[in-house]
Amino acid sequence: MSAELIPALHLALGALLANLPWLTPRWRFPWRLALALGAYALWVGGAQLALRSGGHAPVTAWELWPVTLALFAVAGFPGIVWRYLR
C-alpha cells in the first residue's frame, strides 16, 4: 500500500465510524451519542497508535482534540440527517 493512500483510508474510516451510530436501528439518543464518542476515541487513538508505530511522534497539542472532533462531527452529519430528517 502506498503512503499517499493511508490518509485517505483513515479519513474514509473516520467517516464510516462517524455515521455508524446513527444507522443503528432501535437505540435511544444517549446510547447513540456514547457510541459516537467511543468511535471518535477509537479513531483518534488508532491514528495515534499508527503514528507511534511508524516512528513518528504523535501530535498531543490541545488543538488536536477540537479540530478532530469537529471533523468527526461534520463527517457524521449525513447519518444524522438520514436518521432524523428523512
C-alpha atoms as a PDB file:
ATOM      1  CA  MET A   1       0.000   0.000   0.000  1.00  0.00           C
ATOM      2  CA  SER A   2       1.370   3.373  -0.946  1.00  0.00           C
ATOM      3  CA  ALA A   3       1.962   6.015   1.698  1.00  0.00           C
ATOM      4  CA  GLU A   4      -0.268   8.511  -0.145  1.00  0.00           C
ATOM      5  CA  LEU A   5      -3.285   6.219   0.219  1.00  0.00           C
ATOM      6  CA  ILE A   6      -3.120   5.820   4.011  1.00  0.00           C
ATOM      7  CA  PRO A   7      -4.516   9.294   4.962  1.00  0.00           C
ATOM      8  CA  ALA A   8      -7.422   8.868   2.539  1.00  0.00           C
ATOM      9  CA  LEU A   9      -8.239   5.465   4.003  1.00  0.00           C
ATOM     10  CA  HIS A  10      -8.039   6.884   7.512  1.00  0.00           C
ATOM     11  CA  LEU A  11     -10.466   9.685   6.634  1.00  0.00           C
ATOM     12  CA  ALA A  12     -12.834   7.201   4.986  1.00  0.00           C
ATOM     13  CA  LEU A  13     -12.719   5.031   8.103  1.00  0.00           C
ATOM     14  CA  GLY A  14     -13.462   8.121  10.201  1.00  0.00           C
ATOM     15  CA  ALA A  15     -16.486   8.958   8.043  1.00  0.00           C
ATOM     16  CA  LEU A  16     -17.752   5.393   8.377  1.00  0.00           C
ATOM     17  CA  LEU A  17     -17.276   5.404  12.157  1.00  0.00           C
ATOM     18  CA  ALA A  18     -18.951   8.818  12.436  1.00  0.00           C
ATOM     19  CA  ASN A  19     -22.074   7.625  10.616  1.00  0.00           C
ATOM     20  CA  LEU A  20     -22.308   4.201  12.236  1.00  0.00           C
ATOM     21  CA  PRO A  21     -24.102   5.261  15.468  1.00  0.00           C
ATOM     22  CA  TRP A  22     -26.869   6.993  13.531  1.00  0.00           C
ATOM     23  CA  LEU A  23     -27.584   3.952  11.354  1.00  0.00           C
ATOM     24  CA  THR A  24     -28.294   1.535  14.212  1.00  0.00           C
ATOM     25  CA  PRO A  25     -31.988   0.734  14.469  1.00  0.00           C
ATOM     26  CA  ARG A  26     -33.577   0.875  17.929  1.00  0.00           C
ATOM     27  CA  TRP A  27     -31.244   2.803  20.189  1.00  0.00           C
ATOM     28  CA  ARG A  28     -32.053   5.945  22.099  1.00  0.00           C
ATOM     29  CA  PHE A  29     -30.119   9.149  21.623  1.00  0.00           C
ATOM     30  CA  PRO A  30     -27.832   8.848  24.709  1.00  0.00           C
ATOM     31  CA  TRP A  31     -26.624   5.432  23.540  1.00  0.00           C
ATOM     32  CA  ARG A  32     -26.029   6.760  20.031  1.00  0.00           C
ATOM     33  CA  LEU A  33     -24.062   9.691  21.414  1.00  0.00           C
ATOM     34  CA  ALA A  34     -21.993   7.394  23.629  1.00  0.00           C
ATOM     35  CA  LEU A  35     -21.300   5.151  20.635  1.00  0.00           C
ATOM     36  CA  ALA A  36     -20.273   8.181  18.571  1.00  0.00           C
ATOM     37  CA  LEU A  37     -17.866   9.366  21.265  1.00  0.00           C
ATOM     38  CA  GLY A  38     -16.443   5.853  21.589  1.00  0.00           C
ATOM     39  CA  ALA A  39     -15.974   5.668  17.824  1.00  0.00           C
ATOM     40  CA  TYR A  40     -14.229   9.048  17.937  1.00  0.00           C
ATOM     41  CA  ALA A  41     -11.878   7.825  20.658  1.00  0.00           C
ATOM     42  CA  LEU A  42     -11.185   4.674  18.641  1.00  0.00           C
ATOM     43  CA  TRP A  43     -10.495   6.715  15.507  1.00  0.00           C
ATOM     44  CA  VAL A  44      -8.119   9.200  17.159  1.00  0.00           C
ATOM     45  CA  GLY A  45      -6.469   6.502  19.280  1.00  0.00           C
ATOM     46  CA  GLY A  46      -5.888   4.368  16.201  1.00  0.00           C
ATOM     47  CA  ALA A  47      -4.262   7.303  14.442  1.00  0.00           C
ATOM     48  CA  GLN A  48      -2.037   7.955  17.446  1.00  0.00           C
ATOM     49  CA  LEU A  49      -1.000   4.290  17.588  1.00  0.00           C
ATOM     50  CA  ALA A  50      -0.334   4.201  13.853  1.00  0.00           C
ATOM     51  CA  LEU A  51       1.884   7.273  14.081  1.00  0.00           C
ATOM     52  CA  ARG A  52       3.716   5.892  17.083  1.00  0.00           C
ATOM     53  CA  SER A  53       4.330   2.521  15.409  1.00  0.00           C
ATOM     54  CA  GLY A  54       5.538   4.290  12.275  1.00  0.00           C
ATOM     55  CA  GLY A  55       8.269   6.043  14.215  1.00  0.00           C
ATOM     56  CA  HIS A  56       6.652   9.485  14.299  1.00  0.00           C
ATOM     57  CA  ALA A  57       5.907  11.435  17.440  1.00  0.00           C
ATOM     58  CA  PRO A  58       2.116  11.794  17.646  1.00  0.00           C
ATOM     59  CA  VAL A  59       0.641  15.258  17.962  1.00  0.00           C
ATOM     60  CA  THR A  60      -0.531  15.893  21.516  1.00  0.00           C
ATOM     61  CA  ALA A  61      -1.261  19.621  21.449  1.00  0.00           C
ATOM     62  CA  TRP A  62      -4.698  20.754  22.591  1.00  0.00           C
ATOM     63  CA  GLU A  63      -5.611  21.776  19.031  1.00  0.00           C
ATOM     64  CA  LEU A  64      -5.797  18.131  18.018  1.00  0.00           C
ATOM     65  CA  TRP A  65      -8.943  17.415  20.036  1.00  0.00           C
ATOM     66  CA  PRO A  66     -11.309  20.212  18.910  1.00  0.00           C
ATOM     67  CA  VAL A  67     -10.214  20.002  15.289  1.00  0.00           C
ATOM     68  CA  THR A  68     -10.606  16.235  15.025  1.00  0.00           C
ATOM     69  CA  LEU A  69     -13.879  16.319  16.978  1.00  0.00           C
ATOM     70  CA  ALA A  70     -15.247  18.947  14.591  1.00  0.00           C
ATOM     71  CA  LEU A  71     -14.076  16.878  11.616  1.00  0.00           C
ATOM     72  CA  PHE A  72     -15.727  13.794  13.103  1.00  0.00           C
ATOM     73  CA  ALA A  73     -18.996  15.676  13.716  1.00  0.00           C
ATOM     74  CA  VAL A  74     -19.058  17.032  10.164  1.00  0.00           C
ATOM     75  CA  ALA A  75     -18.337  13.566   8.777  1.00  0.00           C
ATOM     76  CA  GLY A  76     -21.254  12.182  10.812  1.00  0.00           C
ATOM     77  CA  PHE A  77     -23.716  14.795   9.556  1.00  0.00           C
ATOM     78  CA  PRO A  78     -25.115  12.631   6.701  1.00  0.00           C
ATOM     79  CA  GLY A  79     -26.015   9.895   9.182  1.00  0.00           C
ATOM     80  CA  ILE A  80     -27.749  12.379  11.489  1.00  0.00           C
ATOM     81  CA  VAL A  81     -29.709  13.834   8.575  1.00  0.00           C
ATOM     82  CA  TRP A  82     -30.670  10.361   7.370  1.00  0.00           C
ATOM     83  CA  ARG A  83     -31.796   9.353  10.857  1.00  0.00           C
ATOM     84  CA  TYR A  84     -33.778  12.387  11.936  1.00  0.00           C
ATOM     85  CA  LEU A  85     -34.782  14.278   8.772  1.00  0.00           C
ATOM     86  CA  ARG A  86     -35.870  11.636   6.307  1.00  0.00           C
END
